[in-house]
Amino acid sequence: MKKKISIIASFRNEEENINEFISRINNSFKKSNHIDYELIFIDDFSNDLSNSLIKKTCIKNKKIKLITLKKNYGPNPSIQTGFDFVNHKNYASVIDCDLQERPELIAQNF
């Protein structure tokens, strides 16, 4: 049975990084056939195209989920919201979408 990890990615106004972030997560997990993943995006009330970009990707990639907050709550409450959507059987990881940390490290370390 494959292990599964839920990746919680809280963001606000990250349209410049979203596509690269998703691509790097996808590519890093393709290399591992014993790990399955889901990517849970939490939109902390963005006012750019981040949300639209993720919605388009959700149609093509069922591993991606999007939760949109109705106002700006900040990083910690956004991350906590993400945990509410994680299956209790999954492992979980938290990362920002700003690409300051390498998204590939999640698959490598898992």
PDB file of N, CA and C in Angstrom:
ATOM      1  N   MET A   1       0.832  -1.185   0.000  1.00  0.00           N
ATOM      2  CA  MET A   1       0.000   0.000   0.000  1.00  0.00           C
ATOM      3  C   MET A   1       0.877   1.250   0.000  1.00  0.00           C
ATOM      4  N   LYS A   2       0.512   2.196  -0.851  1.00  0.00           N
ATOM      5  CA  LYS A   2       1.278   3.433  -0.927  1.00  0.00           C
ATOM      6  C   LYS A   2       1.018   4.321   0.281  1.00  0.00           C
ATOM      7  N   LYS A   3       2.066   4.971   0.735  1.00  0.00           N
ATOM      8  CA  LYS A   3       1.914   6.001   1.757  1.00  0.00           C
ATOM      9  C   LYS A   3       1.404   7.255   1.044  1.00  0.00           C
ATOM     10  N   LYS A   4       0.645   8.068   1.761  1.00  0.00           N
ATOM     11  CA  LYS A   4       0.132   9.296   1.164  1.00  0.00           C
ATOM     12  C   LYS A   4       0.449  10.479   2.068  1.00  0.00           C
ATOM     13  N   ILE A   5       0.850  11.563   1.428  1.00  0.00           N
ATOM     14  CA  ILE A   5       1.147  12.790   2.155  1.00  0.00           C
ATOM     15  C   ILE A   5       0.251  13.904   1.625  1.00  0.00           C
ATOM     16  N   SER A   6      -0.277  14.685   2.539  1.00  0.00           N
ATOM     17  CA  SER A   6      -1.050  15.876   2.202  1.00  0.00           C
ATOM     18  C   SER A   6      -0.130  17.076   2.382  1.00  0.00           C
ATOM     19  N   ILE A   7       0.035  17.828   1.321  1.00  0.00           N
ATOM     20  CA  ILE A   7       0.900  19.012   1.354  1.00  0.00           C
ATOM     21  C   ILE A   7       0.003  20.238   1.459  1.00  0.00           C
ATOM     22  N   ILE A   8       0.130  20.944   2.561  1.00  0.00           N
ATOM     23  CA  ILE A   8      -0.665  22.151   2.796  1.00  0.00           C
ATOM     24  C   ILE A   8       0.164  23.348   2.351  1.00  0.00           C
ATOM     25  N   ALA A   9      -0.382  24.094   1.398  1.00  0.00           N
ATOM     26  CA  ALA A   9       0.324  25.251   0.849  1.00  0.00           C
ATOM     27  C   ALA A   9      -0.569  26.482   0.985  1.00  0.00           C
ATOM     28  N   SER A  10      -0.338  27.240   2.030  1.00  0.00           N
ATOM     29  CA  SER A  10      -1.063  28.486   2.239  1.00  0.00           C
ATOM     30  C   SER A  10      -0.400  29.582   1.399  1.00  0.00           C
ATOM     31  N   PHE A  11      -1.227  30.447   0.832  1.00  0.00           N
ATOM     32  CA  PHE A  11      -0.640  31.501  -0.008  1.00  0.00           C
ATOM     33  C   PHE A  11      -1.535  32.733  -0.028  1.00  0.00           C
ATOM     34  N   ARG A  12      -0.923  33.828  -0.417  1.00  0.00           N
ATOM     35  CA  ARG A  12      -1.635  35.077  -0.702  1.00  0.00           C
ATOM     36  C   ARG A  12      -0.854  35.792  -1.791  1.00  0.00           C
ATOM     37  N   ASN A  13      -1.504  35.991  -2.923  1.00  0.00           N
ATOM     38  CA  ASN A  13      -0.910  36.718  -4.052  1.00  0.00           C
ATOM     39  C   ASN A  13       0.413  36.105  -4.524  1.00  0.00           C
ATOM     40  N   GLU A  14       0.354  34.876  -4.965  1.00  0.00           N
ATOM     41  CA  GLU A  14       1.550  34.172  -5.448  1.00  0.00           C
ATOM     42  C   GLU A  14       1.425  33.761  -6.916  1.00  0.00           C
ATOM     43  N   GLU A  15       0.693  34.530  -7.721  1.00  0.00           N
ATOM     44  CA  GLU A  15       0.471  34.141  -9.110  1.00  0.00           C
ATOM     45  C   GLU A  15       1.778  33.933  -9.886  1.00  0.00           C
ATOM     46  N   GLU A  16       2.816  34.611  -9.527  1.00  0.00           N
ATOM     47  CA  GLU A  16       4.091  34.477 -10.237  1.00  0.00           C
ATOM     48  C   GLU A  16       4.778  33.148  -9.940  1.00  0.00           C
ATOM     49  N   ASN A  17       4.419  32.497  -8.830  1.00  0.00           N
ATOM     50  CA  ASN A  17       5.101  31.269  -8.410  1.00  0.00           C
ATOM     51  C   ASN A  17       4.246  30.002  -8.508  1.00  0.00           C
ATOM     52  N   ILE A  18       2.944  30.146  -8.625  1.00  0.00           N
ATOM     53  CA  ILE A  18       2.033  29.001  -8.525  1.00  0.00           C
ATOM     54  C   ILE A  18       2.358  27.901  -9.533  1.00  0.00           C
ATOM     55  N   ASN A  19       2.470  28.238 -10.807  1.00  0.00           N
ATOM     56  CA  ASN A  19       2.696  27.203 -11.820  1.00  0.00           C
ATOM     57  C   ASN A  19       4.020  26.473 -11.616  1.00  0.00           C
ATOM     58  N   GLU A  20       5.066  27.201 -11.314  1.00  0.00           N
ATOM     59  CA  GLU A  20       6.356  26.554 -11.063  1.00  0.00           C
ATOM     60  C   GLU A  20       6.292  25.694  -9.803  1.00  0.00           C
ATOM     61  N   PHE A  21       5.626  26.184  -8.775  1.00  0.00           N
ATOM     62  CA  PHE A  21       5.488  25.423  -7.538  1.00  0.00           C
ATOM     63  C   PHE A  21       4.791  24.081  -7.813  1.00  0.00           C
ATOM     64  N   ILE A  22       3.674  24.120  -8.511  1.00  0.00           N
ATOM     65  CA  ILE A  22       2.925  22.899  -8.830  1.00  0.00           C
ATOM     66  C   ILE A  22       3.776  21.955  -9.666  1.00  0.00           C
ATOM     67  N   SER A  23       4.440  22.481 -10.656  1.00  0.00           N
ATOM     68  CA  SER A  23       5.284  21.661 -11.527  1.00  0.00           C
ATOM     69  C   SER A  23       6.384  20.969 -10.739  1.00  0.00           C
ATOM     70  N   ARG A  24       7.017  21.688  -9.859  1.00  0.00           N
ATOM     71  CA  ARG A  24       8.116  21.111  -9.073  1.00  0.00           C
ATOM     72  C   ARG A  24       7.620  20.048  -8.093  1.00  0.00           C
ATOM     73  N   ILE A  25       6.451  20.269  -7.504  1.00  0.00           N
ATOM     74  CA  ILE A  25       5.868  19.240  -6.633  1.00  0.00           C
ATOM     75  C   ILE A  25       5.548  17.993  -7.456  1.00  0.00           C
ATOM     76  N   ASN A  26       4.854  18.167  -8.577  1.00  0.00           N
ATOM     77  CA  ASN A  26       4.490  17.030  -9.435  1.00  0.00           C
ATOM     78  C   ASN A  26       5.716  16.246  -9.870  1.00  0.00           C
ATOM     79  N   ASN A  27       6.721  16.939 -10.359  1.00  0.00           N
ATOM     80  CA  ASN A  27       7.927  16.263 -10.848  1.00  0.00           C
ATOM     81  C   ASN A  27       8.660  15.524  -9.744  1.00  0.00           C
ATOM     82  N   SER A  28       8.693  16.086  -8.563  1.00  0.00           N
ATOM     83  CA  SER A  28       9.417  15.427  -7.479  1.00  0.00           C
ATOM     84  C   SER A  28       8.717  14.149  -7.023  1.00  0.00           C
ATOM     85  N   PHE A  29       7.397  14.104  -7.101  1.00  0.00           N
ATOM     86  CA  PHE A  29       6.689  12.896  -6.691  1.00  0.00           C
ATOM     87  C   PHE A  29       6.604  11.862  -7.813  1.00  0.00           C
ATOM     88  N   LYS A  30       6.781  12.265  -9.057  1.00  0.00           N
ATOM     89  CA  LYS A  30       6.825  11.301 -10.170  1.00  0.00           C
ATOM     90  C   LYS A  30       8.007  10.352 -10.022  1.00  0.00           C
ATOM     91  N   LYS A  31       9.068  10.830  -9.420  1.00  0.00           N
ATOM     92  CA  LYS A  31      10.281  10.034  -9.260  1.00  0.00           C
ATOM     93  C   LYS A  31      10.126   8.944  -8.199  1.00  0.00           C
ATOM     94  N   SER A  32       9.085   9.034  -7.391  1.00  0.00           N
ATOM     95  CA  SER A  32       8.893   8.066  -6.318  1.00  0.00           C
ATOM     96  C   SER A  32       7.588   7.312  -6.545  1.00  0.00           C
ATOM     97  N   ASN A  33       7.688   6.009  -6.744  1.00  0.00           N
ATOM     98  CA  ASN A  33       6.471   5.242  -7.013  1.00  0.00           C
ATOM     99  C   ASN A  33       5.848   4.658  -5.747  1.00  0.00           C
ATOM    100  N   HIS A  34       6.422   4.896  -4.600  1.00  0.00           N
ATOM    101  CA  HIS A  34       5.856   4.372  -3.357  1.00  0.00           C
ATOM    102  C   HIS A  34       5.162   5.448  -2.508  1.00  0.00           C
ATOM    103  N   ILE A  35       5.080   6.666  -3.052  1.00  0.00           N
ATOM    104  CA  ILE A  35       4.455   7.766  -2.318  1.00  0.00           C
ATOM    105  C   ILE A  35       3.374   8.403  -3.191  1.00  0.00           C
ATOM    106  N   ASP A  36       2.193   8.562  -2.624  1.00  0.00           N
ATOM    107  CA  ASP A  36       1.129   9.310  -3.278  1.00  0.00           C
ATOM    108  C   ASP A  36       0.987  10.634  -2.528  1.00  0.00           C
ATOM    109  N   TYR A  37       0.415  11.628  -3.159  1.00  0.00           N
ATOM    110  CA  TYR A  37       0.288  12.925  -2.506  1.00  0.00           C
ATOM    111  C   TYR A  37      -0.987  13.620  -2.939  1.00  0.00           C
ATOM    112  N   GLU A  38      -1.366  14.601  -2.152  1.00  0.00           N
ATOM    113  CA  GLU A  38      -2.379  15.570  -2.539  1.00  0.00           C
ATOM    114  C   GLU A  38      -1.837  16.938  -2.145  1.00  0.00           C
ATOM    115  N   LEU A  39      -2.203  17.929  -2.907  1.00  0.00           N
ATOM    116  CA  LEU A  39      -1.737  19.288  -2.675  1.00  0.00           C
ATOM    117  C   LEU A  39      -2.955  20.129  -2.315  1.00  0.00           C
ATOM    118  N   ILE A  40      -2.985  20.604  -1.077  1.00  0.00           N
ATOM    119  CA  ILE A  40      -4.115  21.391  -0.579  1.00  0.00           C
ATOM    120  C   ILE A  40      -3.685  22.849  -0.495  1.00  0.00           C
ATOM    121  N   PHE A  41      -4.193  23.638  -1.431  1.00  0.00           N
ATOM    122  CA  PHE A  41      -3.903  25.074  -1.435  1.00  0.00           C
ATOM    123  C   PHE A  41      -4.941  25.799  -0.583  1.00  0.00           C
ATOM    124  N   ILE A  42      -4.459  26.709   0.255  1.00  0.00           N
ATOM    125  CA  ILE A  42      -5.324  27.565   1.054  1.00  0.00           C
ATOM    126  C   ILE A  42      -5.062  29.002   0.603  1.00  0.00           C
ATOM    127  N   ASP A  43      -6.060  29.595  -0.073  1.00  0.00           N
ATOM    128  CA  ASP A  43      -5.945  30.963  -0.560  1.00  0.00           C
ATOM    129  C   ASP A  43      -6.370  31.922   0.554  1.00  0.00           C
ATOM    130  N   ASP A  44      -5.396  32.640   1.093  1.00  0.00           N
ATOM    131  CA  ASP A  44      -5.637  33.582   2.180  1.00  0.00           C
ATOM    132  C   ASP A  44      -6.058  34.948   1.624  1.00  0.00           C
ATOM    133  N   PHE A  45      -7.153  34.927   0.846  1.00  0.00           N
ATOM    134  CA  PHE A  45      -7.791  36.128   0.314  1.00  0.00           C
ATOM    135  C   PHE A  45      -6.896  36.890  -0.677  1.00  0.00           C
ATOM    136  N   SER A  46      -6.397  36.168  -1.674  1.00  0.00           N
ATOM    137  CA  SER A  46      -5.566  36.792  -2.710  1.00  0.00           C
ATOM    138  C   SER A  46      -6.397  37.755  -3.554  1.00  0.00           C
ATOM    139  N   ASN A  47      -5.726  38.769  -4.089  1.00  0.00           N
ATOM    140  CA  ASN A  47      -6.394  39.683  -5.007  1.00  0.00           C
ATOM    141  C   ASN A  47      -5.655  39.744  -6.346  1.00  0.00           C
ATOM    142  N   ASP A  48      -4.948  38.663  -6.673  1.00  0.00           N
ATOM    143  CA  ASP A  48      -4.305  38.540  -7.973  1.00  0.00           C
ATOM    144  C   ASP A  48      -4.906  37.315  -8.674  1.00  0.00           C
ATOM    145  N   LEU A  49      -4.209  36.733  -9.634  1.00  0.00           N
ATOM    146  CA  LEU A  49      -4.727  35.604 -10.408  1.00  0.00           C
ATOM    147  C   LEU A  49      -4.361  34.239  -9.836  1.00  0.00           C
ATOM    148  N   SER A  50      -3.792  34.196  -8.652  1.00  0.00           N
ATOM    149  CA  SER A  50      -3.390  32.921  -8.039  1.00  0.00           C
ATOM    150  C   SER A  50      -4.536  31.918  -8.009  1.00  0.00           C
ATOM    151  N   ASN A  51      -5.664  32.350  -7.508  1.00  0.00           N
ATOM    152  CA  ASN A  51      -6.813  31.472  -7.352  1.00  0.00           C
ATOM    153  C   ASN A  51      -7.257  30.911  -8.707  1.00  0.00           C
ATOM    154  N   SER A  52      -7.328  31.743  -9.717  1.00  0.00           N
ATOM    155  CA  SER A  52      -7.739  31.304 -11.059  1.00  0.00           C
ATOM    156  C   SER A  52      -6.769  30.290 -11.643  1.00  0.00           C
ATOM    157  N   LEU A  53      -5.491  30.506 -11.448  1.00  0.00           N
ATOM    158  CA  LEU A  53      -4.486  29.574 -11.959  1.00  0.00           C
ATOM    159  C   LEU A  53      -4.641  28.200 -11.314  1.00  0.00           C
ATOM    160  N   ILE A  54      -4.881  28.176 -10.024  1.00  0.00           N
ATOM    161  CA  ILE A  54      -5.044  26.900  -9.325  1.00  0.00           C
ATOM    162  C   ILE A  54      -6.341  26.222  -9.748  1.00  0.00           C
ATOM    163  N   LYS A  55      -7.415  26.978  -9.902  1.00  0.00           N
ATOM    164  CA  LYS A  55      -8.691  26.392 -10.351  1.00  0.00           C
ATOM    165  C   LYS A  55      -8.521  25.685 -11.697  1.00  0.00           C
ATOM    166  N   LYS A  56      -7.798  26.297 -12.610  1.00  0.00           N
ATOM    167  CA  LYS A  56      -7.558  25.677 -13.921  1.00  0.00           C
ATOM    168  C   LYS A  56      -6.769  24.376 -13.766  1.00  0.00           C
ATOM    169  N   THR A  57      -5.810  24.380 -12.876  1.00  0.00           N
ATOM    170  CA  THR A  57      -4.984  23.201 -12.662  1.00  0.00           C
ATOM    171  C   THR A  57      -5.777  22.091 -11.976  1.00  0.00           C
ATOM    172  N   CYS A  58      -6.690  22.456 -11.086  1.00  0.00           N
ATOM    173  CA  CYS A  58      -7.524  21.463 -10.389  1.00  0.00           C
ATOM    174  C   CYS A  58      -8.334  20.621 -11.374  1.00  0.00           C
ATOM    175  N   ILE A  59      -8.748  21.216 -12.466  1.00  0.00           N
ATOM    176  CA  ILE A  59      -9.531  20.498 -13.470  1.00  0.00           C
ATOM    177  C   ILE A  59      -8.704  19.379 -14.093  1.00  0.00           C
ATOM    178  N   LYS A  60      -7.426  19.636 -14.315  1.00  0.00           N
ATOM    179  CA  LYS A  60      -6.534  18.663 -14.954  1.00  0.00           C
ATOM    180  C   LYS A  60      -5.914  17.689 -13.959  1.00  0.00           C
ATOM    181  N   ASN A  61      -5.716  18.124 -12.739  1.00  0.00           N
ATOM    182  CA  ASN A  61      -4.986  17.324 -11.757  1.00  0.00           C
ATOM    183  C   ASN A  61      -5.837  17.149 -10.501  1.00  0.00           C
ATOM    184  N   LYS A  62      -6.386  15.969 -10.324  1.00  0.00           N
ATOM    185  CA  LYS A  62      -7.285  15.689  -9.201  1.00  0.00           C
ATOM    186  C   LYS A  62      -6.554  15.587  -7.862  1.00  0.00           C
ATOM    187  N   LYS A  63      -5.231  15.641  -7.877  1.00  0.00           N
ATOM    188  CA  LYS A  63      -4.460  15.623  -6.630  1.00  0.00           C
ATOM    189  C   LYS A  63      -4.441  17.002  -5.965  1.00  0.00           C
ATOM    190  N   ILE A  64      -4.923  18.001  -6.688  1.00  0.00           N
ATOM    191  CA  ILE A  64      -4.872  19.378  -6.205  1.00  0.00           C
ATOM    192  C   ILE A  64      -6.251  19.824  -5.744  1.00  0.00           C
ATOM    193  N   LYS A  65      -6.285  20.418  -4.549  1.00  0.00           N
ATOM    194  CA  LYS A  65      -7.514  20.964  -3.979  1.00  0.00           C
ATOM    195  C   LYS A  65      -7.275  22.429  -3.653  1.00  0.00           C
ATOM    196  N   LEU A  66      -8.348  23.213  -3.694  1.00  0.00           N
ATOM    197  CA  LEU A  66      -8.256  24.635  -3.389  1.00  0.00           C
ATOM    198  C   LEU A  66      -9.338  25.011  -2.391  1.00  0.00           C
ATOM    199  N   ILE A  67      -8.914  25.632  -1.306  1.00  0.00           N
ATOM    200  CA  ILE A  67      -9.825  26.185  -0.311  1.00  0.00           C
ATOM    201  C   ILE A  67      -9.589  27.696  -0.325  1.00  0.00           C
ATOM    202  N   THR A  68     -10.665  28.451  -0.502  1.00  0.00           N
ATOM    203  CA  THR A  68     -10.562  29.909  -0.589  1.00  0.00           C
ATOM    204  C   THR A  68     -11.176  30.532   0.658  1.00  0.00           C
ATOM    205  N   LEU A  69     -10.390  31.320   1.361  1.00  0.00           N
ATOM    206  CA  LEU A  69     -10.872  32.003   2.566  1.00  0.00           C
ATOM    207  C   LEU A  69     -11.585  33.298   2.182  1.00  0.00           C
ATOM    208  N   LYS A  70     -12.558  33.697   2.985  1.00  0.00           N
ATOM    209  CA  LYS A  70     -13.388  34.859   2.665  1.00  0.00           C
ATOM    210  C   LYS A  70     -12.793  36.184   3.116  1.00  0.00           C
ATOM    211  N   LYS A  71     -11.710  36.101   3.888  1.00  0.00           N
ATOM    212  CA  LYS A  71     -10.976  37.310   4.251  1.00  0.00           C
ATOM    213  C   LYS A  71      -9.549  36.903   4.579  1.00  0.00           C
ATOM    214  N   ASN A  72      -8.679  37.871   4.778  1.00  0.00           N
ATOM    215  CA  ASN A  72      -7.284  37.592   5.086  1.00  0.00           C
ATOM    216  C   ASN A  72      -7.151  37.275   6.571  1.00  0.00           C
ATOM    217  N   TYR A  73      -6.800  36.017   6.855  1.00  0.00           N
ATOM    218  CA  TYR A  73      -6.640  35.581   8.247  1.00  0.00           C
ATOM    219  C   TYR A  73      -5.171  35.525   8.660  1.00  0.00           C
ATOM    220  N   GLY A  74      -4.265  35.489   7.710  1.00  0.00           N
ATOM    221  CA  GLY A  74      -2.850  35.365   8.017  1.00  0.00           C
ATOM    222  C   GLY A  74      -2.379  33.932   7.870  1.00  0.00           C
ATOM    223  N   PRO A  75      -1.061  33.729   7.911  1.00  0.00           N
ATOM    224  CA  PRO A  75      -0.494  32.402   7.635  1.00  0.00           C
ATOM    225  C   PRO A  75      -0.914  31.299   8.597  1.00  0.00           C
ATOM    226  N   ASN A  76      -0.845  31.526   9.897  1.00  0.00           N
ATOM    227  CA  ASN A  76      -1.136  30.440  10.842  1.00  0.00           C
ATOM    228  C   ASN A  76      -2.583  29.950  10.791  1.00  0.00           C
ATOM    229  N   PRO A  77      -3.579  30.827  10.807  1.00  0.00           N
ATOM    230  CA  PRO A  77      -4.951  30.325  10.667  1.00  0.00           C
ATOM    231  C   PRO A  77      -5.191  29.640   9.314  1.00  0.00           C
ATOM    232  N   SER A  78      -4.530  30.108   8.273  1.00  0.00           N
ATOM    233  CA  SER A  78      -4.674  29.486   6.952  1.00  0.00           C
ATOM    234  C   SER A  78      -4.135  28.063   6.973  1.00  0.00           C
ATOM    235  N   ILE A  79      -2.990  27.892   7.571  1.00  0.00           N
ATOM    236  CA  ILE A  79      -2.389  26.556   7.678  1.00  0.00           C
ATOM    237  C   ILE A  79      -3.292  25.648   8.512  1.00  0.00           C
ATOM    238  N   GLN A  80      -3.823  26.159   9.605  1.00  0.00           N
ATOM    239  CA  GLN A  80      -4.727  25.357  10.440  1.00  0.00           C
ATOM    240  C   GLN A  80      -5.951  24.925   9.644  1.00  0.00           C
ATOM    241  N   THR A  81      -6.470  25.792   8.806  1.00  0.00           N
ATOM    242  CA  THR A  81      -7.589  25.432   7.938  1.00  0.00           C
ATOM    243  C   THR A  81      -7.199  24.262   7.046  1.00  0.00           C
ATOM    244  N   GLY A  82      -5.981  24.282   6.529  1.00  0.00           N
ATOM    245  CA  GLY A  82      -5.504  23.182   5.693  1.00  0.00           C
ATOM    246  C   GLY A  82      -5.531  21.860   6.424  1.00  0.00           C
ATOM    247  N   PHE A  83      -5.138  21.851   7.685  1.00  0.00           N
ATOM    248  CA  PHE A  83      -5.150  20.613   8.472  1.00  0.00           C
ATOM    249  C   PHE A  83      -6.566  20.052   8.627  1.00  0.00           C
ATOM    250  N   ASP A  84      -7.559  20.923   8.599  1.00  0.00           N
ATOM    251  CA  ASP A  84      -8.943  20.455   8.688  1.00  0.00           C
ATOM    252  C   ASP A  84      -9.345  19.599   7.485  1.00  0.00           C
ATOM    253  N   PHE A  85      -8.605  19.696   6.378  1.00  0.00           N
ATOM    254  CA  PHE A  85      -8.932  18.964   5.156  1.00  0.00           C
ATOM    255  C   PHE A  85      -8.016  17.764   4.912  1.00  0.00           C
ATOM    256  N   VAL A  86      -7.133  17.474   5.848  1.00  0.00           N
ATOM    257  CA  VAL A  86      -6.213  16.345   5.704  1.00  0.00           C
ATOM    258  C   VAL A  86      -6.877  15.075   6.255  1.00  0.00           C
ATOM    259  N   ASN A  87      -6.834  14.012   5.473  1.00  0.00           N
ATOM    260  CA  ASN A  87      -7.331  12.716   5.936  1.00  0.00           C
ATOM    261  C   ASN A  87      -6.469  12.257   7.101  1.00  0.00           C
ATOM    262  N   HIS A  88      -7.087  11.738   8.140  1.00  0.00           N
ATOM    263  CA  HIS A  88      -6.349  11.351   9.345  1.00  0.00           C
ATOM    264  C   HIS A  88      -5.363  10.200   9.085  1.00  0.00           C
ATOM    265  N   LYS A  89      -5.478   9.508   7.964  1.00  0.00           N
ATOM    266  CA  LYS A  89      -4.549   8.423   7.634  1.00  0.00           C
ATOM    267  C   LYS A  89      -3.302   8.923   6.904  1.00  0.00           C
ATOM    268  N   ASN A  90      -3.326  10.164   6.467  1.00  0.00           N
ATOM    269  CA  ASN A  90      -2.213  10.721   5.693  1.00  0.00           C
ATOM    270  C   ASN A  90      -1.164  11.363   6.593  1.00  0.00           C
ATOM    271  N   TYR A  91       0.047  11.393   6.077  1.00  0.00           N
ATOM    272  CA  TYR A  91       1.073  12.250   6.651  1.00  0.00           C
ATOM    273  C   TYR A  91       0.766  13.664   6.166  1.00  0.00           C
ATOM    274  N   ALA A  92       1.352  14.667   6.789  1.00  0.00           N
ATOM    275  CA  ALA A  92       1.099  16.042   6.370  1.00  0.00           C
ATOM    276  C   ALA A  92       2.388  16.848   6.399  1.00  0.00           C
ATOM    277  N   SER A  93       2.447  17.809   5.489  1.00  0.00           N
ATOM    278  CA  SER A  93       3.579  18.721   5.417  1.00  0.00           C
ATOM    279  C   SER A  93       3.044  20.105   5.080  1.00  0.00           C
ATOM    280  N   VAL A  94       3.745  21.121   5.538  1.00  0.00           N
ATOM    281  CA  VAL A  94       3.352  22.507   5.291  1.00  0.00           C
ATOM    282  C   VAL A  94       4.489  23.196   4.551  1.00  0.00           C
ATOM    283  N   ILE A  95       4.128  23.961   3.522  1.00  0.00           N
ATOM    284  CA  ILE A  95       5.138  24.712   2.771  1.00  0.00           C
ATOM    285  C   ILE A  95       4.494  25.978   2.206  1.00  0.00           C
ATOM    286  N   ASP A  96       5.284  27.029   2.064  1.00  0.00           N
ATOM    287  CA  ASP A  96       4.823  28.247   1.398  1.00  0.00           C
ATOM    288  C   ASP A  96       5.024  28.096  -0.099  1.00  0.00           C
ATOM    289  N   CYS A  97       4.236  28.818  -0.858  1.00  0.00           N
ATOM    290  CA  CYS A  97       4.319  28.762  -2.328  1.00  0.00           C
ATOM    291  C   CYS A  97       5.329  29.748  -2.900  1.00  0.00           C
ATOM    292  N   ASP A  98       6.033  30.471  -2.047  1.00  0.00           N
ATOM    293  CA  ASP A  98       6.933  31.519  -2.526  1.00  0.00           C
ATOM    294  C   ASP A  98       8.266  31.000  -3.053  1.00  0.00           C
ATOM    295  N   LEU A  99       8.464  29.677  -3.022  1.00  0.00           N
ATOM    296  CA  LEU A  99       9.663  29.014  -3.535  1.00  0.00           C
ATOM    297  C   LEU A  99      10.928  29.367  -2.756  1.00  0.00           C
ATOM    298  N   GLN A 100      10.779  29.875  -1.542  1.00  0.00           N
ATOM    299  CA  GLN A 100      11.955  30.128  -0.704  1.00  0.00           C
ATOM    300  C   GLN A 100      12.566  28.810  -0.227  1.00  0.00           C
ATOM    301  N   GLU A 101      11.703  27.818  -0.003  1.00  0.00           N
ATOM    302  CA  GLU A 101      12.177  26.462   0.290  1.00  0.00           C
ATOM    303  C   GLU A 101      11.959  25.629  -0.966  1.00  0.00           C
ATOM    304  N   ARG A 102      12.826  24.655  -1.184  1.00  0.00           N
ATOM    305  CA  ARG A 102      12.706  23.806  -2.363  1.00  0.00           C
ATOM    306  C   ARG A 102      11.560  22.807  -2.175  1.00  0.00           C
ATOM    307  N   PRO A 103      10.524  22.866  -3.007  1.00  0.00           N
ATOM    308  CA  PRO A 103       9.403  21.934  -2.870  1.00  0.00           C
ATOM    309  C   PRO A 103       9.813  20.479  -3.031  1.00  0.00           C
ATOM    310  N   GLU A 104      10.882  20.226  -3.750  1.00  0.00           N
ATOM    311  CA  GLU A 104      11.373  18.852  -3.967  1.00  0.00           C
ATOM    312  C   GLU A 104      11.787  18.170  -2.669  1.00  0.00           C
ATOM    313  N   LEU A 105      12.128  18.945  -1.672  1.00  0.00           N
ATOM    314  CA  LEU A 105      12.575  18.367  -0.406  1.00  0.00           C
ATOM    315  C   LEU A 105      11.496  17.552   0.291  1.00  0.00           C
ATOM    316  N   ILE A 106      10.227  17.871   0.020  1.00  0.00           N
ATOM    317  CA  ILE A 106       9.151  17.107   0.664  1.00  0.00           C
ATOM    318  C   ILE A 106       9.203  15.658   0.233  1.00  0.00           C
ATOM    319  N   ALA A 107       9.263  15.406  -1.066  1.00  0.00           N
ATOM    320  CA  ALA A 107       9.330  14.020  -1.563  1.00  0.00           C
ATOM    321  C   ALA A 107      10.639  13.360  -1.162  1.00  0.00           C
ATOM    322  N   GLN A 108      11.733  14.096  -1.231  1.00  0.00           N
ATOM    323  CA  GLN A 108      13.030  13.524  -0.881  1.00  0.00           C
ATOM    324  C   GLN A 108      13.085  13.103   0.586  1.00  0.00           C
ATOM    325  N   ASN A 109      12.562  13.941   1.451  1.00  0.00           N
ATOM    326  CA  ASN A 109      12.619  13.651   2.888  1.00  0.00           C
ATOM    327  C   ASN A 109      11.574  12.642   3.335  1.00  0.00           C
ATOM    328  N   PHE A 110      10.493  12.549   2.600  1.00  0.00           N
ATOM    329  CA  PHE A 110       9.433  11.621   2.966  1.00  0.00           C
ATOM    330  C   PHE A 110       9.877  10.194   2.666  1.00  0.00           C
TER     331      PHE A 110
END
